[in-house]
Amino acid sequence: FLLACGLCQASHSVLYSFGTLTWRGAGIDDVTISALWAESVA
């Protein structure tokens, strides 16, 4: 259980560390980026 759920949550690591930086580098503005994060939780 620890391994299965741990790996599922750890798979978000690139998104959490570099998702915003990647999208900023692609020219997406900060308000839109915050909307993308908010959408995922909505």
PDB file of all heavy atoms in Angstrom:
ATOM      1  N   PHE A   1       0.836  -1.209   0.000  1.00  0.00           N
ATOM      2  CA  PHE A   1       0.000   0.000   0.000  1.00  0.00           C
ATOM      3  C   PHE A   1       0.867   1.253   0.000  1.00  0.00           C
ATOM      4  O   PHE A   1       0.631   2.192  -0.777  1.00  0.00           O
ATOM      5  CB  PHE A   1      -0.922  -0.022   1.226  1.00  0.00           C
ATOM      6  CG  PHE A   1      -1.369   1.332   1.679  1.00  0.00           C
ATOM      7  CD1 PHE A   1      -2.326   2.040   0.971  1.00  0.00           C
ATOM      8  CD2 PHE A   1      -0.827   1.909   2.827  1.00  0.00           C
ATOM      9  CE1 PHE A   1      -2.735   3.306   1.388  1.00  0.00           C
ATOM     10  CE2 PHE A   1      -1.234   3.166   3.244  1.00  0.00           C
ATOM     11  CZ  PHE A   1      -2.185   3.865   2.524  1.00  0.00           C
ATOM     12  N   LEU A   2       1.882   1.302   0.872  1.00  0.00           N
ATOM     13  CA  LEU A   2       2.780   2.448   0.908  1.00  0.00           C
ATOM     14  C   LEU A   2       3.439   2.676  -0.440  1.00  0.00           C
ATOM     15  O   LEU A   2       3.560   3.816  -0.914  1.00  0.00           O
ATOM     16  CB  LEU A   2       3.862   2.241   1.976  1.00  0.00           C
ATOM     17  CG  LEU A   2       3.440   2.251   3.442  1.00  0.00           C
ATOM     18  CD1 LEU A   2       4.659   2.033   4.341  1.00  0.00           C
ATOM     19  CD2 LEU A   2       2.744   3.558   3.813  1.00  0.00           C
ATOM     20  N   LEU A   3       3.854   1.603  -1.074  1.00  0.00           N
ATOM     21  CA  LEU A   3       4.555   1.721  -2.359  1.00  0.00           C
ATOM     22  C   LEU A   3       3.616   2.185  -3.460  1.00  0.00           C
ATOM     23  O   LEU A   3       3.943   3.100  -4.227  1.00  0.00           O
ATOM     24  CB  LEU A   3       5.174   0.370  -2.722  1.00  0.00           C
ATOM     25  CG  LEU A   3       6.176   0.363  -3.875  1.00  0.00           C
ATOM     26  CD1 LEU A   3       7.330   1.313  -3.603  1.00  0.00           C
ATOM     27  CD2 LEU A   3       6.699  -1.051  -4.117  1.00  0.00           C
ATOM     28  N   ALA A   4       2.432   1.587  -3.551  1.00  0.00           N
ATOM     29  CA  ALA A   4       1.492   1.932  -4.629  1.00  0.00           C
ATOM     30  C   ALA A   4       1.025   3.386  -4.512  1.00  0.00           C
ATOM     31  O   ALA A   4       1.102   4.157  -5.482  1.00  0.00           O
ATOM     32  CB  ALA A   4       0.293   0.981  -4.617  1.00  0.00           C
ATOM     33  N   CYS A   5       0.554   3.771  -3.327  1.00  0.00           N
ATOM     34  CA  CYS A   5       0.063   5.144  -3.145  1.00  0.00           C
ATOM     35  C   CYS A   5       1.203   6.148  -3.138  1.00  0.00           C
ATOM     36  O   CYS A   5       1.060   7.267  -3.641  1.00  0.00           O
ATOM     37  CB  CYS A   5      -0.748   5.249  -1.863  1.00  0.00           C
ATOM     38  SG  CYS A   5      -2.331   4.379  -1.930  1.00  0.00           S
ATOM     39  N   GLY A   6       2.330   5.763  -2.570  1.00  0.00           N
ATOM     40  CA  GLY A   6       3.479   6.662  -2.548  1.00  0.00           C
ATOM     41  C   GLY A   6       3.962   6.995  -3.943  1.00  0.00           C
ATOM     42  O   GLY A   6       4.264   8.157  -4.259  1.00  0.00           O
ATOM     43  N   LEU A   7       4.039   6.007  -4.807  1.00  0.00           N
ATOM     44  CA  LEU A   7       4.476   6.253  -6.181  1.00  0.00           C
ATOM     45  C   LEU A   7       3.449   7.070  -6.953  1.00  0.00           C
ATOM     46  O   LEU A   7       3.810   7.912  -7.779  1.00  0.00           O
ATOM     47  CB  LEU A   7       4.756   4.926  -6.892  1.00  0.00           C
ATOM     48  CG  LEU A   7       6.016   4.195  -6.426  1.00  0.00           C
ATOM     49  CD1 LEU A   7       6.075   2.792  -7.027  1.00  0.00           C
ATOM     50  CD2 LEU A   7       7.270   4.983  -6.803  1.00  0.00           C
ATOM     51  N   CYS A   8       2.163   6.841  -6.681  1.00  0.00           N
ATOM     52  CA  CYS A   8       1.137   7.632  -7.361  1.00  0.00           C
ATOM     53  C   CYS A   8       1.278   9.107  -6.995  1.00  0.00           C
ATOM     54  O   CYS A   8       1.248   9.981  -7.869  1.00  0.00           O
ATOM     55  CB  CYS A   8      -0.257   7.120  -6.975  1.00  0.00           C
ATOM     56  SG  CYS A   8      -1.611   7.912  -7.889  1.00  0.00           S
ATOM     57  N   GLN A   9       1.451   9.392  -5.703  1.00  0.00           N
ATOM     58  CA  GLN A   9       1.594  10.791  -5.286  1.00  0.00           C
ATOM     59  C   GLN A   9       2.950  11.366  -5.715  1.00  0.00           C
ATOM     60  O   GLN A   9       3.046  12.534  -6.089  1.00  0.00           O
ATOM     61  CB  GLN A   9       1.406  10.910  -3.767  1.00  0.00           C
ATOM     62  CG  GLN A   9       0.045  10.474  -3.254  1.00  0.00           C
ATOM     63  CD  GLN A   9      -1.104  11.316  -3.804  1.00  0.00           C
ATOM     64  OE1 GLN A   9      -0.916  12.285  -4.520  1.00  0.00           O
ATOM     65  NE2 GLN A   9      -2.327  10.930  -3.468  1.00  0.00           N
ATOM     66  N   ALA A  10       4.006  10.559  -5.675  1.00  0.00           N
ATOM     67  CA  ALA A  10       5.328  11.032  -6.083  1.00  0.00           C
ATOM     68  C   ALA A  10       5.394  11.338  -7.572  1.00  0.00           C
ATOM     69  O   ALA A  10       6.243  12.118  -8.012  1.00  0.00           O
ATOM     70  CB  ALA A  10       6.393   9.993  -5.721  1.00  0.00           C
ATOM     71  N   SER A  11       4.498  10.756  -8.346  1.00  0.00           N
ATOM     72  CA  SER A  11       4.509  11.015  -9.787  1.00  0.00           C
ATOM     73  C   SER A  11       4.149  12.459 -10.116  1.00  0.00           C
ATOM     74  O   SER A  11       4.324  12.904 -11.251  1.00  0.00           O
ATOM     75  CB  SER A  11       3.543  10.057 -10.508  1.00  0.00           C
ATOM     76  OG  SER A  11       2.187  10.394 -10.253  1.00  0.00           O
ATOM     77  N   HIS A  12       3.670  13.210  -9.126  1.00  0.00           N
ATOM     78  CA  HIS A  12       3.380  14.639  -9.325  1.00  0.00           C
ATOM     79  C   HIS A  12       4.625  15.513  -9.188  1.00  0.00           C
ATOM     80  O   HIS A  12       4.536  16.740  -9.318  1.00  0.00           O
ATOM     81  CB  HIS A  12       2.343  15.122  -8.297  1.00  0.00           C
ATOM     82  CG  HIS A  12       0.989  14.484  -8.434  1.00  0.00           C
ATOM     83  ND1 HIS A  12       0.701  13.228  -7.961  1.00  0.00           N
ATOM     84  CD2 HIS A  12      -0.157  14.949  -8.994  1.00  0.00           C
ATOM     85  CE1 HIS A  12      -0.567  12.941  -8.220  1.00  0.00           C
ATOM     86  NE2 HIS A  12      -1.115  13.961  -8.837  1.00  0.00           N
ATOM     87  N   SER A  13       5.784  14.928  -8.922  1.00  0.00           N
ATOM     88  CA  SER A  13       6.971  15.698  -8.552  1.00  0.00           C
ATOM     89  C   SER A  13       7.397  16.711  -9.611  1.00  0.00           C
ATOM     90  O   SER A  13       7.725  17.859  -9.290  1.00  0.00           O
ATOM     91  CB  SER A  13       8.135  14.749  -8.242  1.00  0.00           C
ATOM     92  OG  SER A  13       7.855  13.977  -7.100  1.00  0.00           O
ATOM     93  N   VAL A  14       7.422  16.317 -10.875  1.00  0.00           N
ATOM     94  CA  VAL A  14       7.813  17.263 -11.929  1.00  0.00           C
ATOM     95  C   VAL A  14       6.789  18.385 -12.030  1.00  0.00           C
ATOM     96  O   VAL A  14       7.140  19.562 -12.174  1.00  0.00           O
ATOM     97  CB  VAL A  14       7.980  16.547 -13.283  1.00  0.00           C
ATOM     98  CG1 VAL A  14       8.145  17.555 -14.422  1.00  0.00           C
ATOM     99  CG2 VAL A  14       9.194  15.623 -13.249  1.00  0.00           C
ATOM    100  N   LEU A  15       5.514  18.048 -11.922  1.00  0.00           N
ATOM    101  CA  LEU A  15       4.462  19.066 -11.975  1.00  0.00           C
ATOM    102  C   LEU A  15       4.610  20.060 -10.832  1.00  0.00           C
ATOM    103  O   LEU A  15       4.560  21.273 -11.043  1.00  0.00           O
ATOM    104  CB  LEU A  15       3.094  18.400 -11.921  1.00  0.00           C
ATOM    105  CG  LEU A  15       1.890  19.359 -11.901  1.00  0.00           C
ATOM    106  CD1 LEU A  15       1.749  20.074 -13.237  1.00  0.00           C
ATOM    107  CD2 LEU A  15       0.607  18.610 -11.554  1.00  0.00           C
ATOM    108  N   TYR A  16       4.777  19.551  -9.604  1.00  0.00           N
ATOM    109  CA  TYR A  16       4.879  20.426  -8.448  1.00  0.00           C
ATOM    110  C   TYR A  16       6.144  21.278  -8.476  1.00  0.00           C
ATOM    111  O   TYR A  16       6.126  22.438  -8.062  1.00  0.00           O
ATOM    112  CB  TYR A  16       4.857  19.606  -7.159  1.00  0.00           C
ATOM    113  CG  TYR A  16       3.544  18.921  -6.863  1.00  0.00           C
ATOM    114  CD1 TYR A  16       3.478  17.888  -5.927  1.00  0.00           C
ATOM    115  CD2 TYR A  16       2.371  19.284  -7.510  1.00  0.00           C
ATOM    116  CE1 TYR A  16       2.280  17.251  -5.638  1.00  0.00           C
ATOM    117  CE2 TYR A  16       1.170  18.649  -7.236  1.00  0.00           C
ATOM    118  CZ  TYR A  16       1.129  17.627  -6.297  1.00  0.00           C
ATOM    119  OH  TYR A  16      -0.057  16.993  -6.012  1.00  0.00           O
ATOM    120  N   SER A  17       7.247  20.715  -8.959  1.00  0.00           N
ATOM    121  CA  SER A  17       8.519  21.442  -8.964  1.00  0.00           C
ATOM    122  C   SER A  17       8.655  22.385 -10.156  1.00  0.00           C
ATOM    123  O   SER A  17       9.170  23.499 -10.019  1.00  0.00           O
ATOM    124  CB  SER A  17       9.692  20.457  -8.967  1.00  0.00           C
ATOM    125  OG  SER A  17       9.662  19.610  -7.849  1.00  0.00           O
ATOM    126  N   PHE A  18       8.205  21.924 -11.325  1.00  0.00           N
ATOM    127  CA  PHE A  18       8.529  22.660 -12.545  1.00  0.00           C
ATOM    128  C   PHE A  18       7.342  22.943 -13.462  1.00  0.00           C
ATOM    129  O   PHE A  18       7.515  23.471 -14.554  1.00  0.00           O
ATOM    130  CB  PHE A  18       9.596  21.882 -13.348  1.00  0.00           C
ATOM    131  CG  PHE A  18      10.856  21.642 -12.567  1.00  0.00           C
ATOM    132  CD1 PHE A  18      11.148  20.384 -12.054  1.00  0.00           C
ATOM    133  CD2 PHE A  18      11.738  22.682 -12.325  1.00  0.00           C
ATOM    134  CE1 PHE A  18      12.312  20.160 -11.322  1.00  0.00           C
ATOM    135  CE2 PHE A  18      12.905  22.470 -11.596  1.00  0.00           C
ATOM    136  CZ  PHE A  18      13.190  21.206 -11.095  1.00  0.00           C
ATOM    137  N   GLY A  19       6.125  22.583 -13.023  1.00  0.00           N
ATOM    138  CA  GLY A  19       4.958  22.822 -13.867  1.00  0.00           C
ATOM    139  C   GLY A  19       4.763  24.293 -14.175  1.00  0.00           C
ATOM    140  O   GLY A  19       4.638  24.699 -15.338  1.00  0.00           O
ATOM    141  N   THR A  20       4.752  25.127 -13.140  1.00  0.00           N
ATOM    142  CA  THR A  20       4.557  26.560 -13.335  1.00  0.00           C
ATOM    143  C   THR A  20       5.683  27.162 -14.173  1.00  0.00           C
ATOM    144  O   THR A  20       5.444  27.987 -15.062  1.00  0.00           O
ATOM    145  CB  THR A  20       4.470  27.283 -11.976  1.00  0.00           C
ATOM    146  OG1 THR A  20       3.306  26.806 -11.279  1.00  0.00           O
ATOM    147  CG2 THR A  20       4.347  28.793 -12.161  1.00  0.00           C
ATOM    148  N   LEU A  21       6.925  26.742 -13.910  1.00  0.00           N
ATOM    149  CA  LEU A  21       8.064  27.259 -14.671  1.00  0.00           C
ATOM    150  C   LEU A  21       7.971  26.853 -16.143  1.00  0.00           C
ATOM    151  O   LEU A  21       8.285  27.650 -17.041  1.00  0.00           O
ATOM    152  CB  LEU A  21       9.373  26.748 -14.066  1.00  0.00           C
ATOM    153  CG  LEU A  21       9.681  27.220 -12.638  1.00  0.00           C
ATOM    154  CD1 LEU A  21      10.945  26.542 -12.110  1.00  0.00           C
ATOM    155  CD2 LEU A  21       9.830  28.739 -12.593  1.00  0.00           C
ATOM    156  N   THR A  22       7.514  25.630 -16.403  1.00  0.00           N
ATOM    157  CA  THR A  22       7.343  25.165 -17.786  1.00  0.00           C
ATOM    158  C   THR A  22       6.292  25.995 -18.510  1.00  0.00           C
ATOM    159  O   THR A  22       6.499  26.426 -19.649  1.00  0.00           O
ATOM    160  CB  THR A  22       6.934  23.677 -17.808  1.00  0.00           C
ATOM    161  OG1 THR A  22       7.964  22.901 -17.212  1.00  0.00           O
ATOM    162  CG2 THR A  22       6.700  23.191 -19.241  1.00  0.00           C
ATOM    163  N   TRP A  23       5.181  26.243 -17.853  1.00  0.00           N
ATOM    164  CA  TRP A  23       4.093  26.990 -18.490  1.00  0.00           C
ATOM    165  C   TRP A  23       4.457  28.453 -18.675  1.00  0.00           C
ATOM    166  O   TRP A  23       4.100  29.055 -19.677  1.00  0.00           O
ATOM    167  CB  TRP A  23       2.819  26.828 -17.676  1.00  0.00           C
ATOM    168  CG  TRP A  23       2.398  25.392 -17.533  1.00  0.00           C
ATOM    169  CD1 TRP A  23       2.729  24.359 -18.373  1.00  0.00           C
ATOM    170  CD2 TRP A  23       1.595  24.818 -16.508  1.00  0.00           C
ATOM    171  NE1 TRP A  23       2.184  23.181 -17.922  1.00  0.00           N
ATOM    172  CE2 TRP A  23       1.479  23.432 -16.784  1.00  0.00           C
ATOM    173  CE3 TRP A  23       0.963  25.328 -15.371  1.00  0.00           C
ATOM    174  CZ2 TRP A  23       0.755  22.560 -15.971  1.00  0.00           C
ATOM    175  CZ3 TRP A  23       0.238  24.470 -14.565  1.00  0.00           C
ATOM    176  CH2 TRP A  23       0.139  23.098 -14.864  1.00  0.00           C
ATOM    177  N   ARG A  24       5.193  29.006 -17.712  1.00  0.00           N
ATOM    178  CA  ARG A  24       5.670  30.382 -17.882  1.00  0.00           C
ATOM    179  C   ARG A  24       6.618  30.467 -19.085  1.00  0.00           C
ATOM    180  O   ARG A  24       6.573  31.408 -19.864  1.00  0.00           O
ATOM    181  CB  ARG A  24       6.418  30.849 -16.627  1.00  0.00           C
ATOM    182  CG  ARG A  24       5.523  31.378 -15.519  1.00  0.00           C
ATOM    183  CD  ARG A  24       6.377  31.859 -14.349  1.00  0.00           C
ATOM    184  NE  ARG A  24       5.887  33.140 -13.840  1.00  0.00           N
ATOM    185  CZ  ARG A  24       6.655  34.059 -13.312  1.00  0.00           C
ATOM    186  NH1 ARG A  24       7.965  33.888 -13.248  1.00  0.00           N
ATOM    187  NH2 ARG A  24       6.124  35.181 -12.858  1.00  0.00           N
ATOM    188  N   GLY A  25       7.489  29.462 -19.212  1.00  0.00           N
ATOM    189  CA  GLY A  25       8.419  29.436 -20.329  1.00  0.00           C
ATOM    190  C   GLY A  25       7.726  29.309 -21.674  1.00  0.00           C
ATOM    191  O   GLY A  25       8.271  29.722 -22.712  1.00  0.00           O
ATOM    192  N   ALA A  26       6.529  28.747 -21.670  1.00  0.00           N
ATOM    193  CA  ALA A  26       5.752  28.607 -22.902  1.00  0.00           C
ATOM    194  C   ALA A  26       4.932  29.855 -23.203  1.00  0.00           C
ATOM    195  O   ALA A  26       4.180  29.886 -24.184  1.00  0.00           O
ATOM    196  CB  ALA A  26       4.828  27.395 -22.809  1.00  0.00           C
ATOM    197  N   GLY A  27       5.065  30.899 -22.361  1.00  0.00           N
ATOM    198  CA  GLY A  27       4.374  32.157 -22.617  1.00  0.00           C
ATOM    199  C   GLY A  27       3.009  32.289 -21.980  1.00  0.00           C
ATOM    200  O   GLY A  27       2.272  33.232 -22.275  1.00  0.00           O
ATOM    201  N   ILE A  28       2.650  31.365 -21.094  1.00  0.00           N
ATOM    202  CA  ILE A  28       1.353  31.445 -20.421  1.00  0.00           C
ATOM    203  C   ILE A  28       1.480  32.410 -19.241  1.00  0.00           C
ATOM    204  O   ILE A  28       2.425  32.321 -18.459  1.00  0.00           O
ATOM    205  CB  ILE A  28       0.894  30.054 -19.951  1.00  0.00           C
ATOM    206  CG1 ILE A  28       0.807  29.097 -21.150  1.00  0.00           C
ATOM    207  CG2 ILE A  28      -0.453  30.130 -19.245  1.00  0.00           C
ATOM    208  CD1 ILE A  28       0.478  27.664 -20.768  1.00  0.00           C
ATOM    209  N   ASP A  29       0.539  33.333 -19.096  1.00  0.00           N
ATOM    210  CA  ASP A  29       0.635  34.347 -18.047  1.00  0.00           C
ATOM    211  C   ASP A  29       0.268  33.764 -16.686  1.00  0.00           C
ATOM    212  O   ASP A  29      -0.353  32.701 -16.588  1.00  0.00           O
ATOM    213  CB  ASP A  29      -0.260  35.546 -18.372  1.00  0.00           C
ATOM    214  CG  ASP A  29      -1.733  35.164 -18.381  1.00  0.00           C
ATOM    215  OD1 ASP A  29      -2.371  35.236 -17.319  1.00  0.00           O
ATOM    216  OD2 ASP A  29      -2.242  34.796 -19.474  1.00  0.00           O
ATOM    217  N   ASP A  30       0.652  34.480 -15.608  1.00  0.00           N
ATOM    218  CA  ASP A  30       0.489  33.964 -14.256  1.00  0.00           C
ATOM    219  C   ASP A  30      -0.964  33.785 -13.843  1.00  0.00           C
ATOM    220  O   ASP A  30      -1.295  32.834 -13.127  1.00  0.00           O
ATOM    221  CB  ASP A  30       1.195  34.898 -13.260  1.00  0.00           C
ATOM    222  CG  ASP A  30       2.711  34.780 -13.335  1.00  0.00           C
ATOM    223  OD1 ASP A  30       3.204  33.638 -13.337  1.00  0.00           O
ATOM    224  OD2 ASP A  30       3.389  35.810 -13.406  1.00  0.00           O
ATOM    225  N   VAL A  31      -1.845  34.662 -14.271  1.00  0.00           N
ATOM    226  CA  VAL A  31      -3.249  34.513 -13.916  1.00  0.00           C
ATOM    227  C   VAL A  31      -3.826  33.250 -14.540  1.00  0.00           C
ATOM    228  O   VAL A  31      -4.571  32.489 -13.898  1.00  0.00           O
ATOM    229  CB  VAL A  31      -4.058  35.756 -14.341  1.00  0.00           C
ATOM    230  CG1 VAL A  31      -5.548  35.535 -14.095  1.00  0.00           C
ATOM    231  CG2 VAL A  31      -3.578  36.991 -13.583  1.00  0.00           C
ATOM    232  N   THR A  32      -3.466  32.981 -15.796  1.00  0.00           N
ATOM    233  CA  THR A  32      -3.932  31.760 -16.454  1.00  0.00           C
ATOM    234  C   THR A  32      -3.350  30.527 -15.782  1.00  0.00           C
ATOM    235  O   THR A  32      -4.034  29.514 -15.607  1.00  0.00           O
ATOM    236  CB  THR A  32      -3.551  31.775 -17.944  1.00  0.00           C
ATOM    237  OG1 THR A  32      -4.131  32.920 -18.571  1.00  0.00           O
ATOM    238  CG2 THR A  32      -4.042  30.519 -18.646  1.00  0.00           C
ATOM    239  N   ILE A  33      -2.079  30.608 -15.389  1.00  0.00           N
ATOM    240  CA  ILE A  33      -1.444  29.482 -14.702  1.00  0.00           C
ATOM    241  C   ILE A  33      -2.155  29.200 -13.380  1.00  0.00           C
ATOM    242  O   ILE A  33      -2.426  28.044 -13.037  1.00  0.00           O
ATOM    243  CB  ILE A  33       0.054  29.764 -14.472  1.00  0.00           C
ATOM    244  CG1 ILE A  33       0.805  29.705 -15.809  1.00  0.00           C
ATOM    245  CG2 ILE A  33       0.653  28.749 -13.492  1.00  0.00           C
ATOM    246  CD1 ILE A  33       2.251  30.143 -15.724  1.00  0.00           C
ATOM    247  N   SER A  34      -2.476  30.240 -12.644  1.00  0.00           N
ATOM    248  CA  SER A  34      -3.197  30.033 -11.379  1.00  0.00           C
ATOM    249  C   SER A  34      -4.572  29.427 -11.642  1.00  0.00           C
ATOM    250  O   SER A  34      -5.061  28.607 -10.857  1.00  0.00           O
ATOM    251  CB  SER A  34      -3.329  31.345 -10.613  1.00  0.00           C
ATOM    252  OG  SER A  34      -4.161  32.268 -11.292  1.00  0.00           O
ATOM    253  N   ALA A  35      -5.176  29.796 -12.770  1.00  0.00           N
ATOM    254  CA  ALA A  35      -6.471  29.206 -13.131  1.00  0.00           C
ATOM    255  C   ALA A  35      -6.324  27.721 -13.450  1.00  0.00           C
ATOM    256  O   ALA A  35      -7.202  26.914 -13.119  1.00  0.00           O
ATOM    257  CB  ALA A  35      -7.074  29.943 -14.322  1.00  0.00           C
ATOM    258  N   LEU A  36      -5.209  27.335 -14.075  1.00  0.00           N
ATOM    259  CA  LEU A  36      -4.960  25.918 -14.369  1.00  0.00           C
ATOM    260  C   LEU A  36      -4.819  25.120 -13.072  1.00  0.00           C
ATOM    261  O   LEU A  36      -5.369  24.018 -12.950  1.00  0.00           O
ATOM    262  CB  LEU A  36      -3.704  25.765 -15.221  1.00  0.00           C
ATOM    263  CG  LEU A  36      -3.827  26.127 -16.698  1.00  0.00           C
ATOM    264  CD1 LEU A  36      -2.442  26.145 -17.362  1.00  0.00           C
ATOM    265  CD2 LEU A  36      -4.751  25.142 -17.422  1.00  0.00           C
ATOM    266  N   TRP A  37      -4.085  25.660 -12.118  1.00  0.00           N
ATOM    267  CA  TRP A  37      -3.954  24.986 -10.835  1.00  0.00           C
ATOM    268  C   TRP A  37      -5.308  24.908 -10.123  1.00  0.00           C
ATOM    269  O   TRP A  37      -5.669  23.872  -9.558  1.00  0.00           O
ATOM    270  CB  TRP A  37      -2.951  25.727  -9.950  1.00  0.00           C
ATOM    271  CG  TRP A  37      -1.514  25.479 -10.303  1.00  0.00           C
ATOM    272  CD1 TRP A  37      -0.686  26.315 -11.005  1.00  0.00           C
ATOM    273  CD2 TRP A  37      -0.743  24.323  -9.993  1.00  0.00           C
ATOM    274  NE1 TRP A  37       0.553  25.744 -11.137  1.00  0.00           N
ATOM    275  CE2 TRP A  37       0.553  24.518 -10.519  1.00  0.00           C
ATOM    276  CE3 TRP A  37      -1.007  23.141  -9.302  1.00  0.00           C
ATOM    277  CZ2 TRP A  37       1.575  23.584 -10.382  1.00  0.00           C
ATOM    278  CZ3 TRP A  37       0.010  22.204  -9.167  1.00  0.00           C
ATOM    279  CH2 TRP A  37       1.281  22.427  -9.705  1.00  0.00           C
ATOM    280  N   ALA A  38      -6.037  26.009 -10.150  1.00  0.00           N
ATOM    281  CA  ALA A  38      -7.340  26.034  -9.489  1.00  0.00           C
ATOM    282  C   ALA A  38      -8.310  25.058 -10.140  1.00  0.00           C
ATOM    283  O   ALA A  38      -9.095  24.390  -9.462  1.00  0.00           O
ATOM    284  CB  ALA A  38      -7.907  27.448  -9.518  1.00  0.00           C
ATOM    285  N   GLU A  39      -8.249  24.979 -11.461  1.00  0.00           N
ATOM    286  CA  GLU A  39      -9.132  24.060 -12.175  1.00  0.00           C
ATOM    287  C   GLU A  39      -8.896  22.622 -11.747  1.00  0.00           C
ATOM    288  O   GLU A  39      -9.841  21.844 -11.549  1.00  0.00           O
ATOM    289  CB  GLU A  39      -8.901  24.191 -13.687  1.00  0.00           C
ATOM    290  CG  GLU A  39      -9.701  23.202 -14.529  1.00  0.00           C
ATOM    291  CD  GLU A  39      -8.843  22.434 -15.522  1.00  0.00           C
ATOM    292  OE1 GLU A  39      -7.750  22.908 -15.871  1.00  0.00           O
ATOM    293  OE2 GLU A  39      -9.288  21.360 -15.955  1.00  0.00           O
ATOM    294  N   SER A  40      -7.627  22.257 -11.579  1.00  0.00           N
ATOM    295  CA  SER A  40      -7.317  20.875 -11.197  1.00  0.00           C
ATOM    296  C   SER A  40      -7.945  20.522  -9.859  1.00  0.00           C
ATOM    297  O   SER A  40      -8.426  19.399  -9.661  1.00  0.00           O
ATOM    298  CB  SER A  40      -5.801  20.670 -11.150  1.00  0.00           C
ATOM    299  OG  SER A  40      -5.217  21.383 -10.070  1.00  0.00           O
ATOM    300  N   VAL A  41      -7.968  21.471  -8.940  1.00  0.00           N
ATOM    301  CA  VAL A  41      -8.533  21.203  -7.622  1.00  0.00           C
ATOM    302  C   VAL A  41     -10.055  21.326  -7.643  1.00  0.00           C
ATOM    303  O   VAL A  41     -10.749  20.629  -6.899  1.00  0.00           O
ATOM    304  CB  VAL A  41      -7.918  22.149  -6.577  1.00  0.00           C
ATOM    305  CG1 VAL A  41      -8.427  21.819  -5.190  1.00  0.00           C
ATOM    306  CG2 VAL A  41      -6.397  22.044  -6.600  1.00  0.00           C
ATOM    307  N   ALA A  42     -10.588  22.185  -8.501  1.00  0.00           N
ATOM    308  CA  ALA A  42     -12.045  22.289  -8.620  1.00  0.00           C
ATOM    309  C   ALA A  42     -12.636  20.963  -9.096  1.00  0.00           C
ATOM    310  O   ALA A  42     -13.663  20.498  -8.582  1.00  0.00           O
ATOM    311  CB  ALA A  42     -12.413  23.415  -9.587  1.00  0.00           C
TER     312      ALA A  42
END
